[in-house]
Amino acid sequence: MLPTVTNYRVIPSVVQTAKETEIKILPNERAFIFFDGAEYDLRIICADDDEPNYFTPSVFSALHLKAEGGILKFNFTFEREQEYLLILEKDEKKVAEFFIYSLKEDLYALSPLRGDFHGHTYRSDAKRDPGALLGHYREQGYDFMTLTDHNRYYPGDEMDEAYEGVKLGITHIPGEEVHFPGCMIHTVHVGGKKSVAALYCKDEAACRAEADAYIEKVPADIPEKYRERYSRIMWITDHIHEAGGLAIFPHPYWKPGGTRIFNVQEEFARILLKSGMYDAYELVGGMGQIGINFSINLRAELLAEGVKFPVVGSSDVHGIVKAETFPHYFTICFAESNTPEAIMDALKKGMTVAVEATGDEYARHYRCYGDLRLVYYAQFLLTNYFPKLQRICAGEGIAMRNYIMGLVPASLIESQVEQTEYFKNEYFGKCEPVIASDEIRAYEDKWREVQLAGPTGKGSAANTAKITRQI
């Protein structure tokens, strides 16, 4: 969703709960620099409060502010973890509204990262070059992605080599989609240091013999008709974990070949999800809306039975032109940093939210699934943070694709990465925002004087009422 153009921004927009924080309201354009000495009223409203009047909020904190140095600033303690609405008024007329999210210390310390754990390229059965695909992801505002070509680990190496030595804003996590010969249940391998699929692609007979030995380890309560396939999944997940990776169970309600038959029978899907072999469940991804509905309700029933596991949303991208899933299905991961190790650690801990979206970039609506605390925060980010991030990342992604074709230098990418990093640091209060300099304010003052000396009206009427802007 493209961000709404606003005259002002509030910094930081994410704060720590129960800690006094200095908040600044800054202009986004020169024309909106605050006049020094101008006075404003600010109401701070909790999104989740015991409000007796839901049309006109009556429970709020009120502050009176005076502009100084072209900005407004105040100190405030946000006592609860939740979203807050800030309404700025002058002479009882609304000037702007802002949204701030207050987080307890544990979640505040983590970075929200938008990513995809399941995607494909031209090296298997998709339509895009590996290096270019990474640029397409960054153009859409993604912070990380895992390349999981079918039975192929090496395209991830190709992707890394394409940008070797270049500082990128997006992280690539190696991976592959594994499906053992004769067992059409897929497993997404994320983050391992070596390929699992290469083992059976190189020596299928030896791997079949190994997998056959696993049949003796299959729990006795597994129905006979599933025992061989279960043993193959045991072999796959053991080798993924041995490689240092994570195993994700993807798209149980996928209909291969346009059939009306799902690729995994529900009974067997339940058995696999209860087995403990998988590290996460691809709740959203690789399925149409009907499949996603089934998947979500399957999870709900398993949760009611006490079976809990991390969830992800993935595009399973094969093409990006008129694609149903990209960039509409993805994961928000709350990690200590944007590195493969930190992202994988967050996934193992269940610090993820699966997201599906409808609509286009001008009107996109999101559904989030995961722990309610994370969903509350994710919904705020999807409305207020990620659209702004995507706008900044767009040029970065385009520059990446141009770079691997020799059209632009690496420095163009890296300079844009610096802009992205500044935006993130400012938004989350990790750095002091840049205030309009004396030179910029003098420039605006000069043209304000010209405006004052000109027509007093606006639009096509030259002389009507008094100018109704700050002046």
Foldseek 3Di string as FASTA:
>chain_A
DAADDDQWAKWQQEEAAQDKDKIKIAGPDLLQQDDAFAKKKKWKAFPDDPAPDPVDGPDTDIDMWGDDQRITMDIDHHHDFAKIKMFIGHPNHTDDIYIHGYHHPVLLLWDKFWEAEAAEAPVAQFDHQLQLVVLVCLLQLGQEYEYAAALDQCSLVVNCVLQPPFDFRHYYWTWHWYAQVPQPFIKTKTRFPDGPSVVCVVPVVVLLVVLVVQLVVFDPPDDPVCSSNVSVLVSVLVVSVVRVIFIEREQQQADPPPDNDGSHDPVVVVVVLQVPSHQEYALAENHPPVSNVVSVVSQVVVVVVVRDHAYWWHHNDRYDVVRQRVPFWIKIFTFSDSYSVGRRVRRSVNRMKIWGWDDDPVDIDIDIDGPPSSVSVVVVCVRPPSSVSSVLSSVLSVVSSCVSVPNDDSVVNVVSSVVSVVVVCRNSVVDDDDHDDPVSNVVSVVVVVVVVPFFQDDDPDRHDDGDPDSD
